[in-house]
N, C-alpha and C. Protein backbone atom coordinates (compact mmCIF):
# COMPACT_ATOMS: atom_id res chain seq x y z
N MET A 1 -37.42 32.84 -46.75
CA MET A 1 -36.15 32.21 -46.96
C MET A 1 -35.05 32.67 -46.13
N ASN A 2 -35.01 34.08 -46.04
CA ASN A 2 -33.88 34.61 -45.25
C ASN A 2 -34.06 34.21 -43.79
N ALA A 3 -35.31 34.09 -43.28
CA ALA A 3 -35.52 33.81 -41.86
C ALA A 3 -34.91 32.44 -41.56
N SER A 4 -35.12 31.45 -42.51
CA SER A 4 -34.49 30.13 -42.33
C SER A 4 -33.02 30.08 -42.36
N LEU A 5 -32.41 30.95 -43.26
CA LEU A 5 -31.00 31.10 -43.25
C LEU A 5 -30.46 31.73 -41.94
N ASP A 6 -31.13 32.74 -41.26
CA ASP A 6 -30.76 33.24 -40.12
C ASP A 6 -31.07 32.47 -38.85
N ALA A 7 -31.98 31.58 -38.91
CA ALA A 7 -32.27 30.73 -37.67
C ALA A 7 -31.05 30.11 -37.05
N PRO A 8 -30.18 29.44 -37.75
CA PRO A 8 -28.98 28.85 -37.03
C PRO A 8 -28.06 29.81 -36.23
N ARG A 9 -28.15 31.11 -36.57
CA ARG A 9 -27.07 32.05 -35.93
C ARG A 9 -27.23 32.12 -34.49
N PRO A 10 -28.43 32.15 -33.87
CA PRO A 10 -28.53 32.28 -32.44
C PRO A 10 -27.83 31.05 -31.86
N SER A 11 -28.08 29.84 -32.43
CA SER A 11 -27.59 28.67 -31.86
C SER A 11 -25.99 28.64 -31.91
N PHE A 12 -25.50 29.16 -33.09
CA PHE A 12 -23.99 29.25 -33.32
C PHE A 12 -23.44 30.25 -32.28
N LEU A 13 -24.14 31.38 -32.22
CA LEU A 13 -23.59 32.43 -31.20
C LEU A 13 -23.71 31.92 -29.75
N ARG A 14 -24.62 31.12 -29.52
CA ARG A 14 -24.77 30.59 -28.04
C ARG A 14 -23.59 29.55 -27.93
N LYS A 15 -23.37 28.77 -28.89
CA LYS A 15 -22.30 27.72 -28.73
C LYS A 15 -20.92 28.54 -28.72
N ALA A 16 -20.75 29.53 -29.51
CA ALA A 16 -19.50 30.29 -29.54
C ALA A 16 -19.28 30.96 -28.25
N GLY A 17 -20.32 31.53 -27.76
CA GLY A 17 -20.36 32.13 -26.38
C GLY A 17 -19.99 31.18 -25.24
N MET A 18 -20.50 30.00 -25.34
CA MET A 18 -20.13 28.95 -24.30
C MET A 18 -18.68 28.57 -24.51
N VAL A 19 -18.17 28.33 -25.74
CA VAL A 19 -16.72 28.06 -25.89
C VAL A 19 -15.90 29.15 -25.25
N VAL A 20 -16.23 30.38 -25.45
CA VAL A 20 -15.54 31.56 -24.99
C VAL A 20 -15.49 31.44 -23.36
N LEU A 21 -16.77 31.24 -22.82
CA LEU A 21 -16.86 31.21 -21.43
C LEU A 21 -15.98 30.00 -20.83
N LEU A 22 -16.13 28.88 -21.41
CA LEU A 22 -15.34 27.73 -20.98
C LEU A 22 -13.91 27.94 -21.07
N ALA A 23 -13.50 28.51 -22.14
CA ALA A 23 -12.05 28.84 -22.36
C ALA A 23 -11.52 29.87 -21.22
N GLY A 24 -12.35 30.85 -20.93
CA GLY A 24 -12.11 31.82 -19.88
C GLY A 24 -11.94 31.09 -18.52
N LEU A 25 -12.99 30.30 -18.32
CA LEU A 25 -12.81 29.46 -17.04
C LEU A 25 -11.63 28.68 -16.90
N GLY A 26 -11.38 27.95 -18.03
CA GLY A 26 -10.17 27.12 -18.02
C GLY A 26 -8.85 27.88 -17.84
N GLY A 27 -8.79 29.09 -18.45
CA GLY A 27 -7.73 30.00 -18.27
C GLY A 27 -7.57 30.42 -16.73
N ALA A 28 -8.76 30.76 -16.29
CA ALA A 28 -8.78 31.29 -14.87
C ALA A 28 -8.20 30.13 -13.93
N PHE A 29 -8.68 28.97 -14.07
CA PHE A 29 -8.30 27.82 -13.27
C PHE A 29 -6.86 27.59 -13.47
N GLY A 30 -6.40 27.54 -14.73
CA GLY A 30 -5.03 27.31 -14.91
C GLY A 30 -4.04 28.29 -14.34
N TYR A 31 -4.45 29.62 -14.47
CA TYR A 31 -3.66 30.65 -13.91
C TYR A 31 -3.57 30.61 -12.43
N GLY A 32 -4.80 30.29 -11.86
CA GLY A 32 -4.83 30.21 -10.36
C GLY A 32 -3.90 29.00 -9.86
N ALA A 33 -4.09 27.81 -10.47
CA ALA A 33 -3.21 26.74 -10.16
C ALA A 33 -1.74 27.01 -10.33
N ALA A 34 -1.37 27.74 -11.33
CA ALA A 34 0.03 28.06 -11.51
C ALA A 34 0.46 29.03 -10.61
N THR A 35 -0.29 29.95 -10.19
CA THR A 35 0.11 30.96 -9.21
C THR A 35 0.16 30.44 -7.77
N LEU A 36 -0.81 29.54 -7.42
CA LEU A 36 -0.70 28.93 -6.07
C LEU A 36 0.49 28.00 -5.92
N THR A 37 0.88 27.35 -7.02
CA THR A 37 1.86 26.34 -6.86
C THR A 37 3.26 26.74 -7.41
N ASP A 38 3.47 28.04 -7.72
CA ASP A 38 4.69 28.45 -8.27
C ASP A 38 5.82 28.25 -7.33
N GLY A 39 6.71 27.41 -7.77
CA GLY A 39 7.98 27.09 -6.92
C GLY A 39 7.71 26.13 -5.86
N ALA A 40 6.52 25.79 -5.54
CA ALA A 40 6.12 24.85 -4.55
C ALA A 40 6.21 23.24 -4.90
N LEU A 41 6.25 23.06 -6.21
CA LEU A 41 6.24 21.54 -6.60
C LEU A 41 7.61 21.13 -6.92
N ALA A 42 7.80 19.83 -6.49
CA ALA A 42 9.11 19.34 -6.56
C ALA A 42 9.47 18.69 -7.94
N SER A 43 8.51 18.26 -8.74
CA SER A 43 8.72 17.52 -9.91
C SER A 43 7.62 17.80 -11.01
N TRP A 44 7.86 17.26 -12.29
CA TRP A 44 6.85 17.33 -13.25
C TRP A 44 5.62 16.47 -12.86
N GLU A 45 5.90 15.43 -12.18
CA GLU A 45 4.78 14.60 -11.80
C GLU A 45 3.86 15.26 -10.91
N ASP A 46 4.41 16.08 -9.85
CA ASP A 46 3.48 16.86 -9.01
C ASP A 46 2.78 17.91 -9.82
N GLU A 47 3.50 18.64 -10.72
CA GLU A 47 2.85 19.58 -11.61
C GLU A 47 1.75 19.09 -12.29
N LEU A 48 1.88 17.81 -13.00
CA LEU A 48 0.85 17.21 -13.73
C LEU A 48 -0.31 16.84 -12.80
N ALA A 49 -0.03 16.44 -11.53
CA ALA A 49 -1.20 16.05 -10.75
C ALA A 49 -1.93 17.23 -10.38
N VAL A 50 -1.31 18.43 -10.15
CA VAL A 50 -2.06 19.56 -9.82
C VAL A 50 -2.78 20.06 -10.99
N VAL A 51 -2.27 19.99 -12.19
CA VAL A 51 -3.03 20.33 -13.43
C VAL A 51 -4.24 19.46 -13.65
N MET A 52 -4.12 18.16 -13.35
CA MET A 52 -5.28 17.25 -13.46
C MET A 52 -6.25 17.58 -12.39
N ALA A 53 -5.84 17.88 -11.20
CA ALA A 53 -6.79 18.19 -10.07
C ALA A 53 -7.61 19.39 -10.47
N ALA A 54 -6.74 20.59 -11.05
CA ALA A 54 -7.43 21.72 -11.40
C ALA A 54 -8.36 21.55 -12.55
N ALA A 55 -8.06 20.57 -13.47
CA ALA A 55 -8.97 20.33 -14.51
C ALA A 55 -10.19 19.72 -14.02
N MET A 56 -10.12 18.73 -13.09
CA MET A 56 -11.26 18.09 -12.44
C MET A 56 -12.12 19.14 -11.76
N ILE A 57 -11.52 20.00 -10.99
CA ILE A 57 -12.29 20.91 -10.24
C ILE A 57 -13.02 21.93 -11.21
N GLY A 58 -12.28 22.23 -12.35
CA GLY A 58 -12.94 23.07 -13.34
C GLY A 58 -14.20 22.42 -14.03
N VAL A 59 -13.96 21.08 -14.33
CA VAL A 59 -15.14 20.36 -14.96
C VAL A 59 -16.30 20.25 -13.91
N ALA A 60 -15.89 19.94 -12.69
CA ALA A 60 -16.92 19.83 -11.66
C ALA A 60 -17.70 21.25 -11.37
N ALA A 61 -16.99 22.30 -11.41
CA ALA A 61 -17.68 23.67 -11.35
C ALA A 61 -18.54 23.91 -12.58
N ILE A 62 -18.13 23.59 -13.79
CA ILE A 62 -18.88 23.88 -15.01
C ILE A 62 -20.18 22.93 -14.84
N THR A 63 -20.00 21.66 -14.47
CA THR A 63 -21.07 20.75 -14.38
C THR A 63 -22.13 21.23 -13.38
N ALA A 64 -21.64 21.67 -12.14
CA ALA A 64 -22.56 22.13 -11.14
C ALA A 64 -23.32 23.32 -11.66
N PHE A 65 -22.67 24.31 -12.39
CA PHE A 65 -23.21 25.51 -13.01
C PHE A 65 -24.45 25.06 -14.02
N ILE A 66 -24.06 23.99 -14.79
CA ILE A 66 -25.07 23.54 -15.79
C ILE A 66 -26.34 22.97 -15.05
N VAL A 67 -25.95 22.18 -14.14
CA VAL A 67 -27.09 21.51 -13.31
C VAL A 67 -27.92 22.56 -12.60
N ALA A 68 -27.32 23.55 -12.01
CA ALA A 68 -28.01 24.55 -11.33
C ALA A 68 -28.98 25.47 -12.24
N ARG A 69 -28.53 25.54 -13.40
CA ARG A 69 -29.30 26.34 -14.29
C ARG A 69 -30.39 25.61 -15.13
N ARG A 70 -30.52 24.40 -14.80
CA ARG A 70 -31.59 23.55 -15.54
C ARG A 70 -32.93 24.06 -14.91
N PRO A 71 -33.94 24.15 -15.78
CA PRO A 71 -35.30 24.52 -15.29
C PRO A 71 -35.76 23.38 -14.28
N ALA A 72 -36.67 23.82 -13.38
CA ALA A 72 -37.13 23.01 -12.30
C ALA A 72 -37.85 21.71 -12.80
N ASP A 73 -38.43 21.88 -14.03
CA ASP A 73 -39.17 20.60 -14.56
C ASP A 73 -38.27 19.72 -15.29
N VAL A 74 -36.90 19.93 -15.43
CA VAL A 74 -35.92 19.06 -16.08
C VAL A 74 -35.32 18.27 -14.87
N PRO A 75 -35.40 16.94 -15.01
CA PRO A 75 -34.65 16.00 -13.99
C PRO A 75 -33.14 16.40 -13.79
N ARG A 76 -32.79 16.32 -12.65
CA ARG A 76 -31.35 16.75 -12.36
C ARG A 76 -30.33 15.62 -12.90
N GLY A 77 -30.82 14.51 -12.98
CA GLY A 77 -30.08 13.40 -13.59
C GLY A 77 -28.92 13.05 -12.56
N CYS A 78 -27.65 12.70 -13.17
CA CYS A 78 -26.53 12.34 -12.31
C CYS A 78 -25.55 13.44 -12.10
N GLY A 79 -25.96 14.63 -12.59
CA GLY A 79 -25.05 15.77 -12.48
C GLY A 79 -24.29 15.99 -11.08
N ILE A 80 -25.15 15.88 -10.11
CA ILE A 80 -24.53 16.02 -8.69
C ILE A 80 -23.49 15.00 -8.40
N LEU A 81 -23.90 13.76 -8.77
CA LEU A 81 -22.95 12.68 -8.48
C LEU A 81 -21.66 12.88 -9.30
N GLN A 82 -21.82 13.36 -10.55
CA GLN A 82 -20.62 13.54 -11.36
C GLN A 82 -19.68 14.62 -10.80
N VAL A 83 -20.31 15.71 -10.13
CA VAL A 83 -19.61 16.65 -9.45
C VAL A 83 -18.78 16.08 -8.23
N ILE A 84 -19.45 15.22 -7.48
CA ILE A 84 -18.93 14.71 -6.31
C ILE A 84 -17.70 13.73 -6.68
N VAL A 85 -17.99 13.05 -7.75
CA VAL A 85 -16.89 12.15 -8.20
C VAL A 85 -15.60 12.87 -8.66
N MET A 86 -15.83 14.02 -9.42
CA MET A 86 -14.71 14.80 -9.91
C MET A 86 -14.04 15.49 -8.74
N LEU A 87 -14.89 16.05 -7.73
CA LEU A 87 -14.14 16.79 -6.60
C LEU A 87 -13.29 15.75 -5.74
N LEU A 88 -13.87 14.47 -5.54
CA LEU A 88 -13.13 13.50 -4.89
C LEU A 88 -11.78 13.02 -5.52
N ALA A 89 -11.82 12.97 -6.87
CA ALA A 89 -10.71 12.55 -7.63
C ALA A 89 -9.65 13.77 -7.47
N ALA A 90 -10.11 15.02 -7.60
CA ALA A 90 -9.18 16.07 -7.49
C ALA A 90 -8.40 16.08 -6.14
N ALA A 91 -9.23 15.83 -4.98
CA ALA A 91 -8.73 15.67 -3.77
C ALA A 91 -7.69 14.58 -3.62
N MET A 92 -8.00 13.43 -4.34
CA MET A 92 -7.05 12.35 -4.33
C MET A 92 -5.68 12.76 -4.98
N PHE A 93 -5.78 13.56 -5.93
CA PHE A 93 -4.54 14.04 -6.65
C PHE A 93 -3.80 15.07 -5.76
N LEU A 94 -4.50 15.93 -5.04
CA LEU A 94 -3.87 17.00 -4.39
C LEU A 94 -3.30 16.57 -2.95
N LEU A 95 -3.90 15.60 -2.35
CA LEU A 95 -3.44 15.16 -0.96
C LEU A 95 -2.05 14.65 -0.90
N PRO A 96 -1.54 13.85 -1.92
CA PRO A 96 -0.14 13.43 -1.83
C PRO A 96 0.91 14.50 -2.05
N VAL A 97 0.45 15.52 -2.89
CA VAL A 97 1.33 16.63 -3.19
C VAL A 97 1.39 17.63 -2.04
N PHE A 98 0.27 17.94 -1.38
CA PHE A 98 0.37 18.99 -0.38
C PHE A 98 -0.02 18.64 1.08
N GLY A 99 -0.41 17.33 1.16
CA GLY A 99 -0.79 16.82 2.52
C GLY A 99 0.33 16.81 3.53
N SER A 100 1.57 16.56 3.07
CA SER A 100 2.58 16.57 4.03
C SER A 100 2.85 17.75 4.68
N ALA A 101 2.31 18.84 4.25
CA ALA A 101 2.48 20.15 4.91
C ALA A 101 1.70 20.29 6.27
N TRP A 102 0.68 19.33 6.45
CA TRP A 102 -0.16 19.31 7.62
C TRP A 102 -0.22 18.03 8.35
N ALA A 103 0.33 17.00 7.77
CA ALA A 103 0.23 15.67 8.44
C ALA A 103 1.30 14.88 8.08
N THR A 104 1.54 13.63 8.65
CA THR A 104 2.48 12.68 8.41
C THR A 104 2.18 11.90 7.20
N PRO A 105 3.10 11.34 6.46
CA PRO A 105 2.72 10.42 5.31
C PRO A 105 1.78 9.43 5.59
N ASP A 106 1.78 8.73 6.81
CA ASP A 106 0.79 7.73 7.14
C ASP A 106 -0.57 8.18 7.22
N VAL A 107 -0.70 9.39 7.76
CA VAL A 107 -2.14 10.05 7.82
C VAL A 107 -2.57 10.46 6.52
N VAL A 108 -1.70 11.06 5.67
CA VAL A 108 -2.14 11.42 4.34
C VAL A 108 -2.44 10.27 3.47
N PHE A 109 -1.79 9.11 3.63
CA PHE A 109 -2.07 7.96 2.83
C PHE A 109 -3.40 7.28 3.34
N GLY A 110 -3.63 7.38 4.61
CA GLY A 110 -4.90 6.92 5.04
C GLY A 110 -6.10 7.71 4.59
N ALA A 111 -5.86 9.09 4.46
CA ALA A 111 -6.91 9.93 3.98
C ALA A 111 -7.10 9.64 2.44
N VAL A 112 -6.00 9.31 1.74
CA VAL A 112 -6.20 8.99 0.33
C VAL A 112 -6.94 7.67 0.18
N LEU A 113 -6.64 6.77 0.96
CA LEU A 113 -7.40 5.41 0.93
C LEU A 113 -8.91 5.62 1.16
N LEU A 114 -9.15 6.48 2.23
CA LEU A 114 -10.54 6.74 2.64
C LEU A 114 -11.15 7.49 1.34
N LEU A 115 -10.62 8.42 0.64
CA LEU A 115 -11.12 9.09 -0.50
C LEU A 115 -11.31 8.19 -1.61
N VAL A 116 -10.44 7.24 -1.81
CA VAL A 116 -10.49 6.21 -2.89
C VAL A 116 -11.83 5.31 -2.61
N ALA A 117 -12.00 4.96 -1.39
CA ALA A 117 -13.23 4.13 -1.00
C ALA A 117 -14.52 4.86 -1.35
N VAL A 118 -14.50 6.25 -0.82
CA VAL A 118 -15.78 6.99 -1.11
C VAL A 118 -15.95 7.26 -2.64
N GLN A 119 -14.83 7.59 -3.14
CA GLN A 119 -15.03 7.85 -4.60
C GLN A 119 -15.50 6.73 -5.41
N SER A 120 -14.97 5.54 -5.07
CA SER A 120 -15.38 4.19 -5.74
C SER A 120 -16.93 3.96 -5.52
N ALA A 121 -17.34 4.18 -4.28
CA ALA A 121 -18.79 4.04 -3.86
C ALA A 121 -19.63 4.99 -4.83
N ALA A 122 -19.13 6.35 -4.86
CA ALA A 122 -19.82 7.28 -5.67
C ALA A 122 -19.86 6.92 -7.15
N ASN A 123 -18.69 6.42 -7.71
CA ASN A 123 -18.75 5.97 -9.01
C ASN A 123 -19.69 4.85 -9.32
N LEU A 124 -19.87 3.86 -8.33
CA LEU A 124 -20.82 2.73 -8.49
C LEU A 124 -22.26 3.36 -8.45
N MET A 125 -22.43 4.30 -7.59
CA MET A 125 -23.81 4.93 -7.53
C MET A 125 -24.02 5.62 -8.90
N LEU A 126 -23.03 6.31 -9.40
CA LEU A 126 -23.25 7.00 -10.71
C LEU A 126 -23.61 6.03 -11.84
N TRP A 127 -22.91 4.94 -11.79
CA TRP A 127 -23.12 3.84 -12.75
C TRP A 127 -24.56 3.31 -12.72
N ARG A 128 -25.09 3.13 -11.44
CA ARG A 128 -26.38 2.54 -11.15
C ARG A 128 -27.48 3.46 -11.64
N THR A 129 -27.29 4.87 -11.52
CA THR A 129 -28.32 5.79 -11.65
C THR A 129 -28.23 6.35 -13.10
N ALA A 130 -27.13 6.06 -13.74
CA ALA A 130 -26.95 6.65 -15.22
C ALA A 130 -27.96 6.05 -16.21
N ASP A 131 -28.39 6.86 -17.19
CA ASP A 131 -29.18 6.56 -18.13
C ASP A 131 -28.20 5.74 -19.22
N GLU A 132 -28.87 5.10 -20.24
CA GLU A 132 -28.16 4.32 -21.13
C GLU A 132 -27.16 5.10 -21.92
N MET A 133 -27.38 6.39 -22.30
CA MET A 133 -26.40 7.14 -23.04
C MET A 133 -25.16 7.47 -22.15
N LEU A 134 -25.33 7.87 -20.89
CA LEU A 134 -24.18 8.05 -20.03
C LEU A 134 -23.38 6.80 -19.84
N ARG A 135 -24.05 5.69 -19.66
CA ARG A 135 -23.39 4.45 -19.39
C ARG A 135 -22.59 4.12 -20.69
N ARG A 136 -23.09 4.34 -21.88
CA ARG A 136 -22.37 4.14 -23.11
C ARG A 136 -21.13 5.05 -23.16
N VAL A 137 -21.24 6.25 -22.81
CA VAL A 137 -20.12 7.17 -22.90
C VAL A 137 -19.03 6.66 -21.87
N MET A 138 -19.49 6.25 -20.73
CA MET A 138 -18.46 5.68 -19.70
C MET A 138 -17.82 4.52 -20.24
N LEU A 139 -18.56 3.67 -20.97
CA LEU A 139 -17.84 2.46 -21.45
C LEU A 139 -16.84 2.76 -22.57
N GLU A 140 -17.35 3.59 -23.43
CA GLU A 140 -16.48 4.06 -24.61
C GLU A 140 -15.26 4.87 -24.11
N THR A 141 -15.40 5.58 -23.11
CA THR A 141 -14.26 6.26 -22.58
C THR A 141 -13.28 5.31 -21.96
N SER A 142 -13.74 4.29 -21.15
CA SER A 142 -12.87 3.29 -20.57
C SER A 142 -12.17 2.54 -21.58
N ALA A 143 -12.87 2.07 -22.74
CA ALA A 143 -12.27 1.30 -23.83
C ALA A 143 -11.24 2.08 -24.56
N LEU A 144 -11.58 3.40 -24.86
CA LEU A 144 -10.65 4.27 -25.62
C LEU A 144 -9.31 4.58 -24.84
N ALA A 145 -9.58 4.71 -23.46
CA ALA A 145 -8.42 4.98 -22.58
C ALA A 145 -7.57 3.73 -22.53
N PHE A 146 -8.19 2.72 -22.33
CA PHE A 146 -7.47 1.39 -22.16
C PHE A 146 -6.55 1.12 -23.31
N TRP A 147 -7.20 1.15 -24.53
CA TRP A 147 -6.40 0.82 -25.86
C TRP A 147 -5.28 1.86 -25.99
N SER A 148 -5.64 3.11 -25.83
CA SER A 148 -4.54 4.13 -25.96
C SER A 148 -3.35 3.98 -25.02
N LEU A 149 -3.72 3.63 -23.75
CA LEU A 149 -2.72 3.54 -22.69
C LEU A 149 -1.98 2.23 -22.90
N GLN A 150 -2.59 1.14 -23.34
CA GLN A 150 -1.95 -0.05 -23.59
C GLN A 150 -0.84 0.12 -24.62
N LEU A 151 -1.29 0.68 -25.70
CA LEU A 151 -0.35 0.91 -26.79
C LEU A 151 0.84 1.86 -26.41
N GLY A 152 0.51 2.97 -25.74
CA GLY A 152 1.58 3.92 -25.29
C GLY A 152 2.49 3.24 -24.27
N LEU A 153 1.92 2.46 -23.28
CA LEU A 153 2.73 1.83 -22.31
C LEU A 153 3.62 0.89 -22.90
N PHE A 154 3.19 0.14 -23.86
CA PHE A 154 4.01 -0.86 -24.55
C PHE A 154 5.21 -0.25 -25.21
N ILE A 155 4.88 0.86 -26.00
CA ILE A 155 6.04 1.50 -26.75
C ILE A 155 6.95 2.08 -25.79
N TYR A 156 6.49 2.71 -24.65
CA TYR A 156 7.38 3.24 -23.70
C TYR A 156 8.18 2.16 -22.97
N ALA A 157 7.53 1.11 -22.61
CA ALA A 157 8.27 0.06 -21.88
C ALA A 157 9.42 -0.48 -22.71
N ALA A 158 9.06 -0.76 -24.07
CA ALA A 158 10.16 -1.18 -25.02
C ALA A 158 11.27 -0.29 -25.07
N ALA A 159 11.03 1.05 -25.19
CA ALA A 159 12.00 2.13 -25.35
C ALA A 159 12.84 2.16 -24.07
N GLU A 160 12.21 2.00 -22.84
CA GLU A 160 12.87 2.08 -21.56
C GLU A 160 13.78 0.80 -21.41
N ARG A 161 13.27 -0.33 -21.87
CA ARG A 161 14.08 -1.50 -21.77
C ARG A 161 15.34 -1.47 -22.64
N LEU A 162 15.24 -0.74 -23.61
CA LEU A 162 16.36 -0.57 -24.59
C LEU A 162 17.25 0.64 -24.24
N GLY A 163 16.89 1.22 -23.18
CA GLY A 163 17.75 2.30 -22.60
C GLY A 163 17.55 3.74 -23.37
N LEU A 164 16.55 3.79 -24.11
CA LEU A 164 16.31 4.91 -25.05
C LEU A 164 15.69 6.11 -24.22
N VAL A 165 14.89 5.84 -23.25
CA VAL A 165 14.19 6.82 -22.39
C VAL A 165 14.39 6.48 -20.92
N GLY A 166 14.17 7.54 -20.05
CA GLY A 166 14.37 7.28 -18.59
C GLY A 166 13.05 6.72 -18.01
N THR A 167 13.18 6.44 -16.73
CA THR A 167 12.15 5.81 -16.03
C THR A 167 11.09 6.87 -15.61
N VAL A 168 9.87 6.59 -15.57
CA VAL A 168 8.82 7.53 -15.07
C VAL A 168 8.20 6.90 -13.82
N THR A 169 7.98 7.65 -12.80
CA THR A 169 7.47 7.15 -11.62
C THR A 169 6.04 6.68 -11.77
N ALA A 170 5.55 5.85 -10.90
CA ALA A 170 4.03 5.42 -10.83
C ALA A 170 3.11 6.67 -10.81
N TRP A 171 3.64 7.69 -9.91
CA TRP A 171 2.96 8.92 -9.74
C TRP A 171 2.84 9.73 -11.08
N GLY A 172 3.89 9.65 -11.81
CA GLY A 172 3.84 10.34 -13.22
C GLY A 172 2.87 9.63 -14.04
N LEU A 173 2.95 8.28 -14.09
CA LEU A 173 2.08 7.49 -14.92
C LEU A 173 0.69 7.66 -14.62
N MET A 174 0.38 7.90 -13.21
CA MET A 174 -1.00 8.15 -12.83
C MET A 174 -1.53 9.48 -13.43
N GLY A 175 -0.80 10.41 -13.45
CA GLY A 175 -1.10 11.72 -14.04
C GLY A 175 -1.35 11.59 -15.58
N ILE A 176 -0.49 10.84 -16.20
CA ILE A 176 -0.62 10.65 -17.63
C ILE A 176 -1.91 9.91 -17.90
N LEU A 177 -2.16 8.89 -17.08
CA LEU A 177 -3.37 8.09 -17.23
C LEU A 177 -4.66 9.02 -17.13
N MET A 178 -4.67 9.89 -16.20
CA MET A 178 -5.83 10.79 -16.04
C MET A 178 -5.95 11.78 -17.14
N GLY A 179 -4.85 12.20 -17.75
CA GLY A 179 -4.88 13.19 -18.90
C GLY A 179 -5.46 12.39 -20.18
N VAL A 180 -5.04 11.05 -20.30
CA VAL A 180 -5.60 10.40 -21.43
C VAL A 180 -7.04 10.05 -21.23
N TYR A 181 -7.44 9.76 -20.07
CA TYR A 181 -8.85 9.53 -19.60
C TYR A 181 -9.71 10.74 -20.03
N PHE A 182 -9.15 11.89 -19.57
CA PHE A 182 -9.93 13.18 -19.90
C PHE A 182 -10.17 13.37 -21.43
N ILE A 183 -9.07 13.01 -22.25
CA ILE A 183 -9.28 13.27 -23.67
C ILE A 183 -10.20 12.22 -24.18
N ALA A 184 -10.09 10.93 -23.65
CA ALA A 184 -11.04 9.86 -24.16
C ALA A 184 -12.46 10.26 -23.87
N SER A 185 -12.69 10.84 -22.64
CA SER A 185 -14.08 11.18 -22.20
C SER A 185 -14.64 12.31 -23.03
N ALA A 186 -13.73 13.21 -23.41
CA ALA A 186 -14.24 14.35 -24.26
C ALA A 186 -14.56 13.74 -25.70
N VAL A 187 -13.81 12.81 -26.22
CA VAL A 187 -14.10 12.18 -27.55
C VAL A 187 -15.34 11.46 -27.47
N ALA A 188 -15.48 10.60 -26.42
CA ALA A 188 -16.70 9.74 -26.32
C ALA A 188 -17.90 10.60 -26.14
N ALA A 189 -17.91 11.67 -25.35
CA ALA A 189 -18.99 12.62 -25.19
C ALA A 189 -19.34 13.25 -26.49
N ALA A 190 -18.39 13.68 -27.26
CA ALA A 190 -18.51 14.39 -28.45
C ALA A 190 -19.22 13.46 -29.45
N ARG A 191 -18.90 12.18 -29.51
CA ARG A 191 -19.49 11.26 -30.47
C ARG A 191 -20.83 10.99 -30.18
N ARG A 192 -21.23 11.10 -28.92
CA ARG A 192 -22.66 10.89 -28.42
C ARG A 192 -23.44 12.11 -28.48
N GLY A 193 -22.78 13.23 -28.88
CA GLY A 193 -23.61 14.52 -28.86
C GLY A 193 -23.79 15.16 -27.62
N LEU A 194 -23.02 14.75 -26.51
CA LEU A 194 -23.15 15.36 -25.27
C LEU A 194 -22.34 16.65 -25.16
N HIS A 195 -22.80 17.62 -24.62
CA HIS A 195 -22.04 18.94 -24.54
C HIS A 195 -21.79 19.26 -23.15
């Protein structure tokens, strides 16, 4: 009887340890991003873009770690493609913020367009190779993000039209969209039991 009561503990301890590890990695990425960009960013929109890029790099690193630790007899699945998609998205957020330090706006914009094309192709490959559960999570994430953003955008647009709030740039809205998408992705994955 006691053995059956004690059985869940290792699982709980493993999950708690994973939460602590992920929190530590998140803190390290956040601190690193804040240190590297201290005083270098011109607006909250740029700060949000860097935070989103850091989050994507963090998720890509964690995903790569999980895929690398899988036993050899377990299929790799779409993990590598997910890492590539995340890293390309992070680069797409970082280039407009930091790219002007090494190139003209035209060159940076061209690089962003190239990354958008490559990332879109990688996303299509991810969809084609995904199993039914991952496809379901992707669909639920998109639907949840769409409805949340539609509602939020309508409320904001009405408040802006009435002069109650200021205008937000398209760059700021893109950062907000990615933040909502991240939250929707976490909710959809949790509902499907993905960790």
